[in-house]
Amino acid sequence: MNANQPVDWETLSKQSDPCIVCASGAAEALYPPTFHDSLNEAANYFLAHRSATAHGPIAKCGVCGFVFTSPRFSPGEYDRIYSSIPTPHEGVADFDAAKRARFRRLARIVRNHILPGSQLVDFGCGDGAFLRELNDPAAIGFEIGSPGRLQAGPSEIVLGNWASTVGGADLPAGQFAAVTAFDVLEHLPRIEEDVALIRSLLKPGGLFFASVPDISSIVARAMGKRWNMILLEHLWYFSPSTFDTFLARFGFERVAMQALPFDASLAHVATRLAQTFGMRGSVMARGVTSLVLPAPAGIMLGTYRAI
């Protein structure tokens, strides 16, 4: 793909793209793409810093009902986009407070399922916000990056290549009681490879905690194509049933499933609503918008056991 030319979705759609849940090739168009810029401009639509909301073509499997972005950029193109994205929100009070609230909630849930001191890997851990809230030296984080190590509270973060790190000295296969992946799987162009590697880390009976957008949620059904989880960086839109079926392929069975709010400041919520509906300008006073609340966003948290 020419990175300077507008994305040609019609040409990309000629590529074979079977459903990752049931392997059917019977995908039907659900929502047309709203992103028509070049690959070089895609980073402006990604992650928390995005300046506008857009998405690629959204399809629905005609057999199992799974919803996914199709066609997509290549895995290498996604790697290139993510490597160009800054993280300007770090150190911003509203953003940091919301992140702490969100990961404090997730840490409580995880502690209800595993014993203190259990070996755990937080896959796609970012700057280690969840690890700091979990506050357990037996937990380790992994993030893609140049090989190295960082500290997050009492935990270490391993930086490197996921495929080459799993099974090595830092992340030995079959040694962990739990793996967490919060707001990660929907971003992964190599999701099947990555989930297989996650499974390989777990002991028999080990737990996998994963949060993903829920296409069957009340919020998603009410908002339709304007659901704020339909984004250019989101590739996979599971429901509880399609998530169960997908993870069963890798040897997982469901233990629990629950709706998960997204802790955010009212300023952040207002910005996202403005982007979704094409509005401009601030809609709330600063003194009010710094308040952090758990917003219903259509996210689910699944807990799965390795069998």
Protein backbone atom coordinates (compact mmCIF):
# COMPACT_ATOMS: atom_id res chain seq x y z
CA MET A 1 0.00 0.00 0.00
CA ASN A 2 1.23 3.48 -0.90
CA ALA A 3 1.42 5.22 2.48
CA ASN A 4 0.86 8.65 0.92
CA GLN A 5 -2.24 7.76 -1.08
CA PRO A 6 -5.82 7.51 0.26
CA VAL A 7 -6.59 3.96 1.39
CA ASP A 8 -8.20 1.92 -1.41
CA TRP A 9 -10.59 -0.28 0.58
CA GLU A 10 -12.12 -1.70 -2.60
CA THR A 11 -8.78 -3.16 -3.70
CA LEU A 12 -8.04 -4.48 -0.21
CA SER A 13 -11.48 -6.15 -0.06
CA LYS A 14 -10.44 -8.58 -2.80
CA GLN A 15 -8.17 -10.33 -0.30
CA SER A 16 -9.47 -13.52 1.35
CA ASP A 17 -10.55 -12.82 4.94
CA PRO A 18 -12.23 -15.76 6.72
CA CYS A 19 -13.92 -15.32 10.09
CA ILE A 20 -11.49 -16.02 12.97
CA VAL A 21 -14.30 -17.54 15.06
CA CYS A 22 -15.87 -20.08 12.69
CA ALA A 23 -13.55 -19.91 9.62
CA SER A 24 -16.47 -19.06 7.31
CA GLY A 25 -15.82 -16.86 4.30
CA ALA A 26 -19.42 -15.62 4.29
CA ALA A 27 -18.82 -12.10 5.61
CA GLU A 28 -21.41 -9.44 4.87
CA ALA A 29 -20.88 -5.67 4.91
CA LEU A 30 -22.27 -4.09 8.09
CA TYR A 31 -20.96 -0.48 8.12
CA PRO A 32 -19.04 1.28 5.32
CA PRO A 33 -15.63 2.81 6.14
CA THR A 34 -15.41 6.38 7.39
CA PHE A 35 -11.61 6.56 7.12
CA HIS A 36 -10.46 7.64 3.66
CA ASP A 37 -7.11 9.29 4.38
CA SER A 38 -3.66 7.84 3.78
CA LEU A 39 -1.84 5.32 5.92
CA ASN A 40 0.54 8.09 7.02
CA GLU A 41 -2.42 9.94 8.56
CA ALA A 42 -3.93 6.92 10.32
CA ALA A 43 -2.15 7.61 13.63
CA ASN A 44 -4.28 10.76 14.02
CA TYR A 45 -7.29 8.47 14.48
CA PHE A 46 -5.70 6.00 16.92
CA LEU A 47 -5.85 5.64 20.71
CA ALA A 48 -6.52 8.27 23.38
CA HIS A 49 -4.77 11.11 21.57
CA ARG A 50 -6.92 10.80 18.42
CA SER A 51 -8.19 14.05 16.97
CA ALA A 52 -11.21 12.48 15.25
CA THR A 53 -13.18 9.23 15.17
CA ALA A 54 -13.17 7.00 12.11
CA HIS A 55 -13.14 3.31 11.23
CA GLY A 56 -12.47 0.90 8.41
CA PRO A 57 -15.08 -1.31 6.72
CA ILE A 58 -17.03 -3.31 9.34
CA ALA A 59 -18.25 -6.78 8.36
CA LYS A 60 -20.42 -9.42 10.00
CA CYS A 61 -19.99 -13.17 9.57
CA GLY A 62 -23.10 -14.61 7.97
CA VAL A 63 -22.65 -17.90 9.84
CA CYS A 64 -21.72 -17.12 13.47
CA GLY A 65 -22.48 -13.38 13.61
CA PHE A 66 -18.97 -12.29 14.58
CA VAL A 67 -18.27 -8.64 13.72
CA PHE A 68 -14.83 -7.50 12.56
CA THR A 69 -12.95 -4.94 10.50
CA SER A 70 -12.57 -6.28 6.97
CA PRO A 71 -10.47 -5.60 5.05
CA ARG A 72 -7.67 -4.44 7.33
CA PHE A 73 -4.20 -3.01 7.00
CA SER A 74 -1.38 -5.56 7.07
CA PRO A 75 0.16 -6.49 10.45
CA GLY A 76 3.32 -4.62 9.47
CA GLU A 77 1.32 -1.51 8.65
CA TYR A 78 -0.37 -1.61 12.06
CA ASP A 79 3.06 -1.99 13.67
CA ARG A 80 4.21 1.10 11.81
CA ILE A 81 1.16 3.13 12.90
CA TYR A 82 1.51 2.21 16.58
CA SER A 83 5.22 3.00 16.59
CA SER A 84 4.45 6.57 15.46
CA ILE A 85 1.88 7.36 18.17
CA PRO A 86 2.93 9.59 21.09
CA THR A 87 1.48 9.31 24.60
CA PRO A 88 0.71 12.94 25.42
CA HIS A 89 -1.80 12.18 28.18
CA GLU A 90 0.74 10.77 30.65
CA GLY A 91 1.01 13.13 33.60
CA VAL A 92 -2.32 14.86 32.84
CA ALA A 93 -4.29 14.78 36.10
CA ASP A 94 -7.70 13.84 34.66
CA PHE A 95 -6.27 11.07 32.49
CA ASP A 96 -4.09 9.62 35.26
CA ALA A 97 -6.93 9.68 37.82
CA ALA A 98 -9.25 7.83 35.41
CA LYS A 99 -6.57 5.26 34.63
CA ARG A 100 -5.91 4.61 38.32
CA ALA A 101 -9.62 4.15 39.00
CA ARG A 102 -9.98 1.73 36.10
CA PHE A 103 -7.01 -0.45 37.02
CA ARG A 104 -7.87 -0.36 40.72
CA ARG A 105 -11.22 -1.91 39.77
CA LEU A 106 -9.53 -4.55 37.61
CA ALA A 107 -7.00 -5.38 40.33
CA ARG A 108 -9.84 -6.06 42.79
CA ILE A 109 -11.47 -8.44 40.31
CA VAL A 110 -8.24 -10.32 39.65
CA ARG A 111 -7.50 -10.65 43.38
CA ASN A 112 -10.89 -12.31 43.85
CA HIS A 113 -9.75 -15.15 41.58
CA ILE A 114 -6.07 -15.72 42.38
CA LEU A 115 -3.99 -16.04 45.53
CA PRO A 116 -1.49 -13.34 46.55
CA GLY A 117 1.95 -14.21 45.21
CA SER A 118 0.57 -16.05 42.18
CA GLN A 119 2.76 -15.63 39.12
CA LEU A 120 0.97 -13.40 36.62
CA VAL A 121 1.78 -11.80 33.27
CA ASP A 122 0.08 -8.56 32.20
CA PHE A 123 0.25 -8.68 28.41
CA GLY A 124 0.22 -5.27 26.73
CA CYS A 125 0.83 -3.62 30.09
CA GLY A 126 1.66 -0.13 28.77
CA ASP A 127 3.39 1.86 31.48
CA GLY A 128 2.43 -0.68 34.17
CA ALA A 129 -0.66 1.05 35.60
CA PHE A 130 -2.41 -2.25 36.37
CA LEU A 131 0.73 -3.71 37.94
CA ARG A 132 1.05 -0.73 40.25
CA GLU A 133 -2.52 -1.20 41.44
CA LEU A 134 -2.10 -4.98 41.84
CA ASN A 135 1.05 -4.28 43.89
CA ASP A 136 2.38 -7.85 43.80
CA PRO A 137 6.09 -8.60 43.14
CA ALA A 138 5.12 -11.98 41.64
CA ALA A 139 3.44 -10.18 38.73
CA ILE A 140 5.37 -9.24 35.60
CA GLY A 141 4.40 -7.03 32.67
CA PHE A 142 5.14 -7.34 28.98
CA GLU A 143 5.11 -4.54 26.41
CA ILE A 144 6.37 -4.44 22.84
CA GLY A 145 9.51 -2.37 22.46
CA SER A 146 13.28 -2.39 22.26
CA PRO A 147 14.59 -5.14 24.59
CA GLY A 148 14.93 -3.94 28.14
CA ARG A 149 13.27 -3.74 31.55
CA LEU A 150 11.30 -1.16 33.48
CA GLN A 151 9.91 -1.03 36.99
CA ALA A 152 6.19 -0.62 37.86
CA GLY A 153 5.75 -0.59 41.61
CA PRO A 154 7.15 -3.91 42.87
CA SER A 155 6.80 -5.50 39.41
CA GLU A 156 9.13 -5.64 36.43
CA ILE A 157 8.08 -4.89 32.87
CA VAL A 158 9.84 -6.86 30.13
CA LEU A 159 10.17 -5.04 26.81
CA GLY A 160 10.79 -6.89 23.59
CA ASN A 161 9.21 -8.99 20.85
CA TRP A 162 6.27 -11.04 22.12
CA ALA A 163 6.76 -14.10 19.93
CA SER A 164 10.46 -14.43 20.72
CA THR A 165 10.07 -13.66 24.44
CA VAL A 166 7.37 -16.24 25.24
CA GLY A 167 9.00 -19.54 26.15
CA GLY A 168 12.30 -17.91 27.07
CA ALA A 169 13.86 -17.16 30.44
CA ASP A 170 11.70 -14.07 31.05
CA LEU A 171 8.38 -15.72 30.19
CA PRO A 172 8.81 -19.51 30.52
CA ALA A 173 6.03 -21.65 29.07
CA GLY A 174 3.55 -23.32 31.39
CA GLN A 175 4.71 -21.48 34.53
CA PHE A 176 2.05 -18.83 35.18
CA ALA A 177 -1.14 -18.89 37.22
CA ALA A 178 -2.72 -16.01 35.31
CA VAL A 179 -2.40 -13.78 32.26
CA THR A 180 -4.23 -10.47 31.91
CA ALA A 181 -4.91 -8.52 28.70
CA PHE A 182 -6.96 -5.38 29.30
CA ASP A 183 -8.16 -3.46 26.22
CA VAL A 184 -5.56 -5.28 24.13
CA LEU A 185 -7.02 -8.12 22.04
CA GLU A 186 -9.23 -5.91 19.86
CA HIS A 187 -6.07 -4.17 18.59
CA LEU A 188 -4.10 -7.25 17.54
CA PRO A 189 -3.74 -8.00 13.81
CA ARG A 190 -2.06 -11.31 14.77
CA ILE A 191 -4.65 -12.18 17.41
CA GLU A 192 -4.64 -15.94 16.77
CA GLU A 193 -0.86 -16.19 17.17
CA ASP A 194 -0.92 -13.96 20.23
CA VAL A 195 -3.69 -15.88 22.03
CA ALA A 196 -1.90 -19.17 21.33
CA LEU A 197 1.20 -17.71 23.00
CA ILE A 198 -0.87 -16.53 25.97
CA ARG A 199 -2.26 -20.04 26.38
CA SER A 200 1.26 -21.50 26.27
CA LEU A 201 2.28 -19.44 29.32
CA LEU A 202 -0.43 -20.82 31.59
CA LYS A 203 -0.34 -23.80 33.88
CA PRO A 204 -3.28 -26.22 33.55
CA GLY A 205 -6.14 -24.49 35.32
CA GLY A 206 -4.48 -21.08 34.97
CA LEU A 207 -6.72 -18.07 34.38
CA PHE A 208 -6.91 -15.62 31.50
CA PHE A 209 -8.56 -12.24 32.15
CA ALA A 210 -9.40 -10.21 29.04
CA SER A 211 -11.48 -7.08 28.46
CA VAL A 212 -12.81 -6.35 24.96
CA PRO A 213 -15.61 -4.31 23.39
CA ASP A 214 -18.98 -6.15 23.52
CA ILE A 215 -20.88 -5.76 20.25
CA SER A 216 -23.98 -7.26 21.92
CA SER A 217 -24.04 -4.73 24.79
CA ILE A 218 -26.97 -2.35 25.29
CA VAL A 219 -24.68 0.61 24.49
CA ALA A 220 -23.48 -0.95 21.22
CA ARG A 221 -26.99 -1.88 20.11
CA ALA A 222 -28.39 1.53 21.02
CA MET A 223 -25.60 3.49 19.28
CA GLY A 224 -25.26 1.29 16.19
CA LYS A 225 -22.65 2.65 13.79
CA ARG A 226 -22.05 5.58 16.20
CA TRP A 227 -20.88 3.32 19.04
CA ASN A 228 -17.66 4.88 20.27
CA MET A 229 -15.87 1.52 20.34
CA ILE A 230 -16.05 1.26 16.53
CA LEU A 231 -12.64 2.70 15.82
CA LEU A 232 -9.89 2.51 13.23
CA GLU A 233 -7.58 0.65 15.64
CA HIS A 234 -10.24 -1.88 16.72
CA LEU A 235 -10.23 -4.97 14.54
CA TRP A 236 -12.42 -7.49 16.42
CA TYR A 237 -15.88 -6.98 17.98
CA PHE A 238 -16.76 -9.98 20.10
CA SER A 239 -19.97 -10.85 21.92
CA PRO A 240 -19.85 -13.22 24.93
CA SER A 241 -20.80 -16.16 22.69
CA THR A 242 -18.28 -15.45 19.91
CA PHE A 243 -15.58 -14.76 22.52
CA ASP A 244 -16.30 -18.14 24.14
CA THR A 245 -16.13 -19.91 20.77
CA PHE A 246 -12.93 -18.15 19.73
CA LEU A 247 -11.07 -18.82 22.99
CA ALA A 248 -12.26 -22.45 23.06
CA ARG A 249 -10.09 -22.98 19.96
CA PHE A 250 -7.04 -22.39 22.19
CA GLY A 251 -8.12 -24.49 25.14
CA PHE A 252 -10.05 -22.02 27.30
CA GLU A 253 -13.41 -22.35 29.05
CA ARG A 254 -15.37 -19.49 30.55
CA VAL A 255 -15.35 -18.98 34.33
CA ALA A 256 -17.10 -15.59 34.50
CA MET A 257 -18.29 -12.73 32.29
CA GLN A 258 -19.30 -9.25 33.39
CA ALA A 259 -19.90 -5.78 31.99
CA LEU A 260 -17.05 -3.42 32.73
CA PRO A 261 -17.47 0.36 32.98
CA PHE A 262 -14.84 2.66 31.52
CA ASP A 263 -13.61 5.12 34.14
CA ALA A 264 -13.20 8.50 32.47
CA SER A 265 -13.44 12.19 33.30
CA LEU A 266 -16.52 14.03 32.10
CA ALA A 267 -14.15 16.07 29.93
CA HIS A 268 -13.00 12.90 28.18
CA VAL A 269 -16.58 11.67 27.74
CA ALA A 270 -17.64 15.05 26.34
CA THR A 271 -14.74 15.04 23.89
CA ARG A 272 -15.58 11.56 22.64
CA LEU A 273 -19.26 12.42 22.23
CA ALA A 274 -18.32 15.56 20.34
CA GLN A 275 -16.11 13.52 17.99
CA THR A 276 -18.81 10.88 17.51
CA PHE A 277 -21.50 13.39 16.60
CA GLY A 278 -19.28 15.88 14.77
CA MET A 279 -19.60 18.69 17.34
CA ARG A 280 -16.93 21.27 18.09
CA GLY A 281 -15.82 23.08 21.21
CA SER A 282 -16.11 22.42 24.91
CA VAL A 283 -19.58 21.53 26.20
CA MET A 284 -18.85 21.66 29.96
CA ALA A 285 -17.03 23.90 32.40
CA ARG A 286 -13.57 22.74 33.41
CA GLY A 287 -14.44 22.54 37.12
CA VAL A 288 -17.11 19.94 36.37
CA THR A 289 -15.40 17.96 33.65
CA SER A 290 -12.43 16.87 35.80
CA LEU A 291 -14.75 14.57 37.77
CA VAL A 292 -13.99 10.88 37.04
CA LEU A 293 -16.97 8.53 36.76
CA PRO A 294 -17.48 4.91 35.61
CA ALA A 295 -19.09 5.36 32.19
CA PRO A 296 -21.09 2.60 30.46
CA ALA A 297 -19.13 2.02 27.26
CA GLY A 298 -20.08 -1.50 26.15
CA ILE A 299 -17.00 -3.35 27.42
CA MET A 300 -16.98 -6.89 28.81
CA LEU A 301 -14.47 -8.64 31.04
CA GLY A 302 -14.13 -12.37 30.58
CA THR A 303 -12.34 -14.74 32.95
CA TYR A 304 -11.30 -18.03 31.32
CA ARG A 305 -9.62 -21.18 32.57
CA ALA A 306 -6.94 -23.06 30.65
CA ILE A 307 -8.09 -26.67 30.21
